[in-house]
Amino acid sequence: MKPSEWKEIAEHVERMLTDIQFGSITLVVQDGKVVQIEKSEKVRLQSNKPR
């Protein structure tokens, strides 16, 4: 991959990391190139009900 492609990927991941509290970021690779970046975020809700 070209350095400019790495820079673009790093910028996207960095932006995602600043927005996420709990979850994961996944890079999808095909033929040695990153073709997709996925972000999965979890939101935990506090319930007032006792268990």
N, C-alpha and C. Protein backbone atom coordinates (compact mmCIF):
# COMPACT_ATOMS: atom_id res chain seq x y z
N MET A 1 0.84 -1.19 0.00
CA MET A 1 0.00 0.00 0.00
C MET A 1 0.87 1.24 0.00
N LYS A 2 0.36 2.27 -0.60
CA LYS A 2 1.08 3.55 -0.67
C LYS A 2 1.00 4.26 0.68
N PRO A 3 2.02 5.07 1.00
CA PRO A 3 1.98 5.82 2.26
C PRO A 3 0.73 6.70 2.38
N SER A 4 0.24 7.25 1.28
CA SER A 4 -0.96 8.10 1.34
C SER A 4 -2.19 7.27 1.72
N GLU A 5 -2.22 5.99 1.29
CA GLU A 5 -3.33 5.12 1.66
C GLU A 5 -3.28 4.79 3.15
N TRP A 6 -2.08 4.53 3.67
CA TRP A 6 -1.93 4.26 5.10
C TRP A 6 -2.37 5.47 5.92
N LYS A 7 -2.01 6.65 5.44
CA LYS A 7 -2.36 7.88 6.16
C LYS A 7 -3.88 8.05 6.21
N GLU A 8 -4.55 7.78 5.10
CA GLU A 8 -6.02 7.90 5.05
C GLU A 8 -6.67 6.92 6.02
N ILE A 9 -6.18 5.69 6.05
CA ILE A 9 -6.72 4.67 6.95
C ILE A 9 -6.51 5.10 8.40
N ALA A 10 -5.30 5.55 8.71
CA ALA A 10 -4.99 5.97 10.07
C ALA A 10 -5.87 7.14 10.51
N GLU A 11 -6.15 8.06 9.62
CA GLU A 11 -7.01 9.20 9.95
C GLU A 11 -8.44 8.75 10.25
N HIS A 12 -8.95 7.82 9.45
CA HIS A 12 -10.30 7.29 9.69
C HIS A 12 -10.37 6.59 11.04
N VAL A 13 -9.39 5.74 11.32
CA VAL A 13 -9.38 4.99 12.58
C VAL A 13 -9.25 5.95 13.76
N GLU A 14 -8.41 6.95 13.63
CA GLU A 14 -8.23 7.93 14.71
C GLU A 14 -9.53 8.66 15.01
N ARG A 15 -10.26 9.07 13.96
CA ARG A 15 -11.55 9.74 14.16
C ARG A 15 -12.54 8.82 14.86
N MET A 16 -12.56 7.56 14.45
CA MET A 16 -13.47 6.60 15.07
C MET A 16 -13.13 6.40 16.54
N LEU A 17 -11.85 6.34 16.85
CA LEU A 17 -11.42 6.13 18.24
C LEU A 17 -11.81 7.29 19.15
N THR A 18 -11.87 8.50 18.62
CA THR A 18 -12.25 9.64 19.45
C THR A 18 -13.74 9.64 19.77
N ASP A 19 -14.54 8.95 18.94
CA ASP A 19 -15.99 8.94 19.12
C ASP A 19 -16.53 7.74 19.90
N ILE A 20 -15.75 6.69 20.03
CA ILE A 20 -16.27 5.44 20.60
C ILE A 20 -15.93 5.36 22.09
N GLN A 21 -16.91 4.88 22.89
CA GLN A 21 -16.69 4.68 24.32
C GLN A 21 -16.48 3.21 24.65
N PHE A 22 -17.37 2.36 24.12
CA PHE A 22 -17.29 0.91 24.32
C PHE A 22 -17.59 0.23 23.00
N GLY A 23 -16.74 -0.64 22.54
CA GLY A 23 -17.03 -1.35 21.30
C GLY A 23 -15.75 -1.80 20.61
N SER A 24 -15.84 -1.90 19.27
CA SER A 24 -14.68 -2.36 18.52
C SER A 24 -14.62 -1.69 17.15
N ILE A 25 -13.41 -1.66 16.60
CA ILE A 25 -13.17 -1.17 15.25
C ILE A 25 -12.47 -2.30 14.51
N THR A 26 -13.01 -2.65 13.35
CA THR A 26 -12.50 -3.79 12.58
C THR A 26 -12.05 -3.32 11.20
N LEU A 27 -10.86 -3.75 10.79
CA LEU A 27 -10.38 -3.49 9.44
C LEU A 27 -10.64 -4.73 8.60
N VAL A 28 -11.26 -4.57 7.44
CA VAL A 28 -11.52 -5.68 6.53
C VAL A 28 -10.49 -5.59 5.41
N VAL A 29 -9.76 -6.69 5.19
CA VAL A 29 -8.66 -6.72 4.22
C VAL A 29 -8.97 -7.70 3.10
N GLN A 30 -8.72 -7.27 1.86
CA GLN A 30 -8.82 -8.15 0.70
C GLN A 30 -7.59 -7.94 -0.16
N ASP A 31 -6.96 -9.01 -0.57
CA ASP A 31 -5.75 -8.95 -1.40
C ASP A 31 -4.69 -8.03 -0.83
N GLY A 32 -4.55 -8.04 0.50
CA GLY A 32 -3.51 -7.25 1.16
C GLY A 32 -3.82 -5.77 1.29
N LYS A 33 -5.06 -5.36 0.99
CA LYS A 33 -5.45 -3.95 1.11
C LYS A 33 -6.65 -3.82 2.02
N VAL A 34 -6.66 -2.75 2.81
CA VAL A 34 -7.82 -2.47 3.65
C VAL A 34 -8.91 -1.94 2.74
N VAL A 35 -10.06 -2.63 2.73
CA VAL A 35 -11.15 -2.23 1.84
C VAL A 35 -12.36 -1.70 2.61
N GLN A 36 -12.35 -1.90 3.95
CA GLN A 36 -13.50 -1.47 4.73
C GLN A 36 -13.08 -1.31 6.18
N ILE A 37 -13.68 -0.33 6.84
CA ILE A 37 -13.48 -0.14 8.28
C ILE A 37 -14.85 -0.14 8.93
N GLU A 38 -15.03 -1.00 9.93
CA GLU A 38 -16.32 -1.14 10.60
C GLU A 38 -16.18 -0.73 12.06
N LYS A 39 -17.20 -0.03 12.57
CA LYS A 39 -17.22 0.35 13.98
C LYS A 39 -18.49 -0.22 14.60
N SER A 40 -18.33 -0.92 15.71
CA SER A 40 -19.46 -1.47 16.45
C SER A 40 -19.39 -0.89 17.85
N GLU A 41 -20.44 -0.18 18.25
CA GLU A 41 -20.42 0.46 19.56
C GLU A 41 -21.52 -0.11 20.44
N LYS A 42 -21.19 -0.33 21.70
CA LYS A 42 -22.15 -0.84 22.67
C LYS A 42 -22.62 0.31 23.55
N VAL A 43 -23.92 0.31 23.84
CA VAL A 43 -24.49 1.31 24.73
C VAL A 43 -25.11 0.56 25.90
N ARG A 44 -24.65 0.85 27.09
CA ARG A 44 -25.17 0.18 28.27
C ARG A 44 -26.18 1.08 28.96
N LEU A 45 -27.35 0.53 29.19
CA LEU A 45 -28.42 1.26 29.84
C LEU A 45 -28.53 0.82 31.29
N GLN A 46 -28.76 1.77 32.17
CA GLN A 46 -28.93 1.43 33.58
C GLN A 46 -30.42 1.33 33.86
N SER A 47 -30.84 0.21 34.40
CA SER A 47 -32.24 -0.03 34.70
C SER A 47 -32.51 0.29 36.17
N ASN A 48 -33.71 0.79 36.45
CA ASN A 48 -34.09 1.08 37.83
C ASN A 48 -34.68 -0.14 38.52
N LYS A 49 -34.92 -1.21 37.76
CA LYS A 49 -35.50 -2.43 38.32
C LYS A 49 -34.45 -3.27 39.05
N PRO A 50 -34.73 -3.71 40.27
CA PRO A 50 -33.81 -4.65 40.90
C PRO A 50 -33.94 -6.02 40.26
N ARG A 51 -32.88 -6.78 40.22
CA ARG A 51 -32.90 -8.13 39.62
C ARG A 51 -33.03 -9.18 40.66
